[in-house]
Amino acid sequence: MNPALKRFFQIFFILISTIFLVWLIRNFDLNTLSQISLTTLFSVFAVRILNFFHFQMTSFVFFRSFNERARLFSLILLNTSTSVSNYATPVKIGFPLQLYLMKKMMKIPYTKSGAMVFVNLLISYFIAMMLGIIAVLYLSMDAFSIMTSFKLMLFVLVVVTTAIIATLTLVKKWTHISLINKFINKFKEIKDFLTSIRTSYLILTGFMILLGFFINAWIIKLLINDMGESVTILPLFLIQGIPLLLGSLSMVPMGLGAKDASLAFLLVQLNITPDVALSSALIMRIFVTGFSVLLGVISINYLVSNKIFDRKDIKELSSQQ
């Protein structure tokens, strides 16, 4: 992406996120956080562990759709080590690192691993986008004002438009990365891999991704209930896609600000008070992103210490521009 355009996107999302976060903070009461019990935090952590292993099983099923049998330990190393780079610089290091490790640990050629990464992204973001649209329709049919419904529809319209622009830009960017260019030029092989996909496993992958969103909604519900408010699980489940999209498309490392502000905004639309909404978003940031980054650092150190991956490989991957 053109550096100036990338900077524009970053500034735009940071500005919008900052405005809303400032509004939230002005309505924030620190006493809200003190209402969360240690029992609830332990429960949240336990559910987060459950979600972690669910994600590994989702990856296992997805690999089976491409007729690949991956060992659980290899999947954990792959997913956790690439999570750190994906949060920071997905195009520059994250995706190339994922392809590199799939070739090094699982003996999957770049052509096939590239097709797998592309299909995985396509499914994940398509599901997130569909959930976002359904969430807006759900909220619009509730007892909200016409102006609120209009703002929510505009909100999703911006998300979808940005998603299309970002996807086109990403595809264009990928064609300039020499590592990925190795399988881009082998279209026939990619086509063969795509036509040999086991549809049943791919459909199951989609359902498991939805289940992952449901588990995240469950975590948020635990937090909200413990802070003295209540909300049904359905709307919490439906809104999961929008923060993921905005966090990814903001081009800010870890989606910092954009993901948190959008989640808090949507919770407020569900009649959750601003202080509870912001508290929930902050705790989700700690337990979801923080947990992933911690495991990612541990995995990268393991890969380096066992000479599966070398630090100089990071420089080589980042130079593939």
Protein backbone atom coordinates (compact mmCIF):
# COMPACT_ATOMS: atom_id res chain seq x y z
CA MET A 1 0.00 0.00 0.00
CA ASN A 2 1.14 3.54 -0.70
CA PRO A 3 2.75 4.86 2.52
CA ALA A 4 0.69 8.04 2.41
CA LEU A 5 -2.58 6.08 2.01
CA LYS A 6 -1.58 3.70 4.78
CA ARG A 7 -0.85 6.66 7.05
CA PHE A 8 -4.23 8.16 6.17
CA PHE A 9 -6.04 4.97 7.22
CA GLN A 10 -4.08 4.79 10.46
CA ILE A 11 -4.77 8.43 11.33
CA PHE A 12 -8.46 8.05 10.41
CA PHE A 13 -9.03 5.02 12.64
CA ILE A 14 -6.93 6.47 15.46
CA LEU A 15 -8.89 9.74 15.33
CA ILE A 16 -12.31 8.06 15.36
CA SER A 17 -11.25 5.62 18.09
CA THR A 18 -9.75 8.40 20.21
CA ILE A 19 -12.89 10.55 20.02
CA PHE A 20 -15.10 7.71 21.20
CA LEU A 21 -12.63 6.51 23.84
CA VAL A 22 -12.42 10.05 25.26
CA TRP A 23 -16.21 10.11 25.51
CA LEU A 24 -16.15 6.73 27.25
CA ILE A 25 -13.42 7.73 29.68
CA ARG A 26 -15.36 10.87 30.64
CA ASN A 27 -18.21 8.56 31.63
CA PHE A 28 -15.94 5.96 33.18
CA ASP A 29 -16.06 5.04 36.84
CA LEU A 30 -13.03 3.19 38.22
CA ASN A 31 -15.23 1.62 40.88
CA THR A 32 -16.78 -0.49 38.12
CA LEU A 33 -13.60 -2.52 37.77
CA SER A 34 -13.53 -3.18 41.50
CA GLN A 35 -16.90 -4.95 41.17
CA ILE A 36 -15.29 -7.78 39.19
CA SER A 37 -14.60 -10.70 41.51
CA LEU A 38 -11.55 -12.96 41.41
CA THR A 39 -13.90 -15.87 40.76
CA THR A 40 -15.15 -14.19 37.59
CA LEU A 41 -11.61 -13.39 36.45
CA PHE A 42 -10.65 -17.01 37.02
CA SER A 43 -13.71 -18.11 35.03
CA VAL A 44 -12.79 -15.73 32.22
CA PHE A 45 -9.26 -17.11 32.15
CA ALA A 46 -10.59 -20.70 32.09
CA VAL A 47 -12.92 -19.90 29.17
CA ARG A 48 -10.01 -18.17 27.40
CA ILE A 49 -7.98 -21.38 27.73
CA LEU A 50 -10.95 -23.28 26.31
CA ASN A 51 -11.08 -20.85 23.40
CA PHE A 52 -7.35 -21.29 22.81
CA PHE A 53 -7.65 -25.06 22.38
CA HIS A 54 -10.83 -24.61 20.35
CA PHE A 55 -8.82 -22.43 17.95
CA GLN A 56 -6.20 -25.17 17.60
CA MET A 57 -8.91 -27.72 16.81
CA THR A 58 -10.38 -25.30 14.26
CA SER A 59 -6.97 -25.11 12.60
CA PHE A 60 -6.71 -28.92 12.65
CA VAL A 61 -10.08 -29.27 10.89
CA PHE A 62 -9.09 -26.58 8.37
CA PHE A 63 -5.84 -28.41 7.58
CA ARG A 64 -7.87 -31.58 7.02
CA SER A 65 -9.90 -29.74 4.39
CA PHE A 66 -6.62 -29.52 2.41
CA ASN A 67 -5.81 -33.18 3.14
CA GLU A 68 -3.10 -32.27 5.65
CA ARG A 69 -2.75 -33.97 9.03
CA ALA A 70 -1.06 -31.55 11.41
CA ARG A 71 0.12 -32.51 14.87
CA LEU A 72 -1.42 -30.50 17.71
CA PHE A 73 1.95 -29.32 19.03
CA SER A 74 3.00 -28.10 15.56
CA LEU A 75 -0.29 -26.23 15.21
CA ILE A 76 0.18 -24.56 18.58
CA LEU A 77 3.70 -23.44 17.62
CA LEU A 78 2.49 -22.19 14.24
CA ASN A 79 -0.55 -20.30 15.51
CA THR A 80 1.03 -18.75 18.60
CA SER A 81 4.33 -17.72 16.99
CA THR A 82 2.63 -16.07 14.02
CA SER A 83 0.05 -14.32 16.23
CA VAL A 84 2.65 -11.81 17.45
CA SER A 85 3.81 -10.87 13.95
CA ASN A 86 0.23 -10.81 12.65
CA TYR A 87 -0.71 -8.29 15.34
CA ALA A 88 2.24 -6.06 14.41
CA THR A 89 2.94 -6.40 10.67
CA PRO A 90 0.80 -9.09 9.00
CA VAL A 91 1.84 -8.39 5.40
CA LYS A 92 5.50 -7.65 6.04
CA ILE A 93 6.27 -10.52 8.41
CA GLY A 94 3.11 -12.30 9.60
CA PHE A 95 1.96 -14.08 6.42
CA PRO A 96 5.47 -14.86 5.10
CA LEU A 97 6.39 -16.26 8.53
CA GLN A 98 3.29 -18.45 8.47
CA LEU A 99 4.22 -19.81 5.03
CA TYR A 100 7.82 -20.34 6.13
CA LEU A 101 6.88 -22.33 9.24
CA MET A 102 4.32 -24.42 7.34
CA LYS A 103 7.10 -25.39 4.95
CA LYS A 104 9.73 -25.90 7.66
CA MET A 105 7.67 -27.78 10.27
CA MET A 106 4.93 -29.44 8.22
CA LYS A 107 6.63 -29.87 4.84
CA ILE A 108 3.82 -28.05 3.06
CA PRO A 109 5.07 -26.37 -0.16
CA TYR A 110 4.68 -22.62 -0.52
CA THR A 111 2.13 -23.04 -3.29
CA LYS A 112 -0.22 -25.03 -1.10
CA SER A 113 0.39 -23.07 2.10
CA GLY A 114 -0.32 -19.84 0.23
CA ALA A 115 -3.64 -21.21 -0.99
CA MET A 116 -4.46 -22.34 2.56
CA VAL A 117 -3.68 -18.93 4.09
CA PHE A 118 -5.77 -17.17 1.44
CA VAL A 119 -8.80 -19.44 1.94
CA ASN A 120 -8.52 -19.17 5.73
CA LEU A 121 -8.51 -15.35 5.56
CA LEU A 122 -11.40 -15.37 3.11
CA ILE A 123 -13.57 -17.58 5.34
CA SER A 124 -12.72 -15.74 8.57
CA TYR A 125 -13.39 -12.25 7.27
CA PHE A 126 -16.46 -13.29 5.30
CA ILE A 127 -18.01 -14.76 8.45
CA ALA A 128 -17.04 -11.66 10.45
CA MET A 129 -18.60 -9.40 7.82
CA MET A 130 -21.81 -11.42 7.69
CA LEU A 131 -22.08 -11.34 11.47
CA GLY A 132 -21.60 -7.58 11.37
CA ILE A 133 -24.39 -7.08 8.86
CA ILE A 134 -26.74 -9.38 10.79
CA ALA A 135 -25.87 -7.51 14.00
CA VAL A 136 -26.92 -4.21 12.46
CA LEU A 137 -30.19 -5.71 11.22
CA TYR A 138 -30.82 -7.20 14.66
CA LEU A 139 -30.17 -3.89 16.41
CA SER A 140 -32.27 -2.00 13.89
CA MET A 141 -35.26 -4.20 14.58
CA ASP A 142 -34.94 -3.62 18.31
CA ALA A 143 -36.39 -0.66 20.16
CA PHE A 144 -33.85 1.86 18.88
CA SER A 145 -34.54 5.21 17.28
CA ILE A 146 -34.38 5.70 13.53
CA MET A 147 -31.28 7.87 13.96
CA THR A 148 -29.48 5.15 15.94
CA SER A 149 -30.33 2.55 13.30
CA PHE A 150 -29.09 4.90 10.57
CA LYS A 151 -25.80 5.44 12.40
CA LEU A 152 -25.34 1.69 12.83
CA MET A 153 -26.06 1.03 9.15
CA LEU A 154 -23.57 3.75 8.20
CA PHE A 155 -21.09 2.20 10.62
CA VAL A 156 -21.26 -1.22 8.89
CA LEU A 157 -21.24 0.39 5.44
CA VAL A 158 -17.91 2.01 6.29
CA VAL A 159 -16.61 -1.34 7.56
CA VAL A 160 -17.65 -3.23 4.41
CA THR A 161 -16.28 -0.54 2.08
CA THR A 162 -13.00 -0.44 3.97
CA ALA A 163 -12.84 -4.24 3.88
CA ILE A 164 -13.18 -4.27 0.09
CA ILE A 165 -10.52 -1.59 -0.34
CA ALA A 166 -8.17 -3.28 2.10
CA THR A 167 -8.63 -6.69 0.44
CA LEU A 168 -7.84 -5.31 -3.00
CA THR A 169 -4.83 -3.47 -1.62
CA LEU A 170 -3.65 -6.59 0.20
CA VAL A 171 -3.87 -8.72 -2.96
CA LYS A 172 -1.91 -6.07 -4.85
CA LYS A 173 0.65 -5.94 -2.06
CA TRP A 174 1.07 -9.71 -1.99
CA THR A 175 2.01 -9.78 -5.67
CA HIS A 176 5.08 -7.66 -4.81
CA ILE A 177 6.38 -9.99 -2.12
CA SER A 178 8.91 -12.32 -3.72
CA LEU A 179 8.26 -15.12 -1.25
CA ILE A 180 4.55 -15.18 -2.03
CA ASN A 181 5.22 -14.51 -5.69
CA LYS A 182 6.68 -18.02 -5.92
CA PHE A 183 3.22 -19.57 -5.67
CA ILE A 184 1.32 -16.73 -7.34
CA ASN A 185 3.07 -17.67 -10.58
CA LYS A 186 1.96 -21.28 -10.17
CA PHE A 187 -1.72 -20.68 -10.70
CA LYS A 188 -2.41 -24.16 -12.03
CA GLU A 189 -1.05 -25.78 -8.86
CA ILE A 190 -3.11 -23.43 -6.70
CA LYS A 191 -6.21 -24.23 -8.75
CA ASP A 192 -5.57 -27.96 -8.24
CA PHE A 193 -5.28 -27.46 -4.48
CA LEU A 194 -8.46 -25.40 -4.35
CA THR A 195 -10.48 -27.88 -6.40
CA SER A 196 -9.34 -30.75 -4.17
CA ILE A 197 -10.60 -29.07 -0.98
CA ARG A 198 -12.74 -31.35 1.16
CA THR A 199 -15.94 -29.31 1.40
CA SER A 200 -17.29 -31.04 4.50
CA TYR A 201 -14.22 -30.09 6.54
CA LEU A 202 -14.33 -26.54 5.19
CA ILE A 203 -17.97 -26.14 6.22
CA LEU A 204 -17.13 -27.57 9.64
CA THR A 205 -14.32 -24.99 9.90
CA GLY A 206 -16.87 -22.22 9.34
CA PHE A 207 -19.09 -23.53 12.13
CA MET A 208 -16.11 -23.81 14.44
CA ILE A 209 -15.14 -20.19 13.71
CA LEU A 210 -18.68 -19.20 14.69
CA LEU A 211 -18.31 -21.23 17.88
CA GLY A 212 -15.12 -19.28 18.63
CA PHE A 213 -17.07 -16.03 18.35
CA PHE A 214 -19.70 -17.50 20.67
CA ILE A 215 -17.04 -18.32 23.28
CA ASN A 216 -15.80 -14.72 23.13
CA ALA A 217 -19.37 -13.53 23.64
CA TRP A 218 -19.61 -15.83 26.64
CA ILE A 219 -16.55 -14.19 28.18
CA ILE A 220 -18.05 -10.72 27.72
CA LYS A 221 -21.36 -11.88 29.23
CA LEU A 222 -19.53 -13.17 32.32
CA LEU A 223 -17.89 -9.78 32.79
CA ILE A 224 -21.05 -7.74 32.22
CA ASN A 225 -23.11 -9.87 34.58
CA ASP A 226 -20.48 -9.59 37.30
CA MET A 227 -20.55 -5.79 36.99
CA GLY A 228 -24.26 -5.73 37.76
CA GLU A 229 -25.77 -5.53 34.29
CA SER A 230 -27.40 -8.09 32.05
CA VAL A 231 -27.56 -8.80 28.33
CA THR A 232 -28.55 -11.87 26.33
CA ILE A 233 -25.88 -13.92 24.58
CA LEU A 234 -27.31 -13.51 21.06
CA PRO A 235 -26.48 -9.83 20.46
CA LEU A 236 -23.06 -10.30 22.09
CA PHE A 237 -22.42 -13.12 19.64
CA LEU A 238 -23.59 -11.13 16.62
CA ILE A 239 -21.40 -8.08 17.29
CA GLN A 240 -18.17 -10.11 17.47
CA GLY A 241 -17.35 -9.69 13.80
CA ILE A 242 -17.24 -5.88 13.67
CA PRO A 243 -14.42 -5.31 16.22
CA LEU A 244 -12.35 -7.99 14.46
CA LEU A 245 -12.79 -6.29 11.09
CA LEU A 246 -12.06 -2.80 12.36
CA GLY A 247 -9.08 -3.97 14.40
CA SER A 248 -7.56 -5.65 11.35
CA LEU A 249 -8.37 -2.89 8.88
CA SER A 250 -7.17 -0.04 11.08
CA MET A 251 -3.54 -0.98 10.21
CA VAL A 252 -2.65 -0.06 13.78
CA PRO A 253 -0.55 -2.72 15.57
CA MET A 254 -2.86 -5.13 17.46
CA GLY A 255 -5.81 -3.01 16.28
CA LEU A 256 -5.12 -0.93 19.35
CA GLY A 257 -7.92 1.55 19.96
CA ALA A 258 -10.05 0.68 16.93
CA LYS A 259 -11.00 -2.80 18.16
CA ASP A 260 -11.54 -1.66 21.75
CA ALA A 261 -13.54 1.43 20.83
CA SER A 262 -15.77 -0.45 18.38
CA LEU A 263 -16.50 -3.19 20.94
CA ALA A 264 -17.32 -0.61 23.61
CA PHE A 265 -19.48 1.34 21.14
CA LEU A 266 -21.49 -1.74 20.24
CA LEU A 267 -21.95 -2.67 23.90
CA VAL A 268 -23.30 0.81 24.57
CA GLN A 269 -25.81 0.25 21.74
CA LEU A 270 -26.95 -2.82 23.68
CA ASN A 271 -27.86 -0.49 26.58
CA ILE A 272 -24.72 -1.29 28.55
CA THR A 273 -23.44 1.71 30.52
CA PRO A 274 -20.22 3.30 29.17
CA ASP A 275 -18.13 2.38 32.20
CA VAL A 276 -19.14 -1.30 32.05
CA ALA A 277 -18.65 -1.33 28.26
CA LEU A 278 -15.15 0.15 28.50
CA SER A 279 -14.21 -2.14 31.39
CA SER A 280 -15.31 -5.18 29.38
CA ALA A 281 -13.33 -4.03 26.33
CA LEU A 282 -10.18 -3.46 28.40
CA ILE A 283 -10.38 -6.84 30.12
CA MET A 284 -10.99 -8.55 26.77
CA ARG A 285 -7.87 -6.81 25.45
CA ILE A 286 -5.82 -8.15 28.36
CA PHE A 287 -7.14 -11.71 28.29
CA VAL A 288 -7.35 -12.14 24.50
CA THR A 289 -4.49 -10.12 23.02
CA GLY A 290 -2.24 -10.29 26.06
CA PHE A 291 -2.61 -14.06 26.31
CA SER A 292 -1.85 -14.51 22.60
CA VAL A 293 1.21 -12.26 22.68
CA LEU A 294 2.59 -14.03 25.76
CA LEU A 295 2.25 -17.47 24.15
CA GLY A 296 3.64 -16.09 20.90
CA VAL A 297 6.83 -14.86 22.56
CA ILE A 298 7.25 -18.24 24.30
CA SER A 299 6.75 -20.10 21.01
CA ILE A 300 9.22 -17.95 19.09
CA ASN A 301 11.83 -18.49 21.80
CA TYR A 302 11.19 -22.24 21.58
CA LEU A 303 11.56 -22.21 17.78
CA VAL A 304 14.80 -20.24 18.02
CA SER A 305 16.31 -22.31 20.85
CA ASN A 306 15.54 -25.55 18.99
CA LYS A 307 16.91 -24.11 15.73
CA ILE A 308 13.58 -24.55 13.95
CA PHE A 309 13.61 -20.86 13.27
CA ASP A 310 16.52 -18.43 13.28
CA ARG A 311 16.44 -14.74 14.14
CA LYS A 312 18.06 -13.92 10.81
CA ASP A 313 15.00 -15.45 9.13
CA ILE A 314 12.94 -12.56 10.46
CA LYS A 315 15.17 -10.09 8.62
CA GLU A 316 15.01 -12.20 5.46
CA LEU A 317 11.23 -12.41 5.64
CA SER A 318 10.84 -8.69 6.29
CA SER A 319 13.09 -7.89 3.33
CA GLN A 320 10.84 -9.82 0.92
CA GLN A 321 9.19 -6.63 -0.30
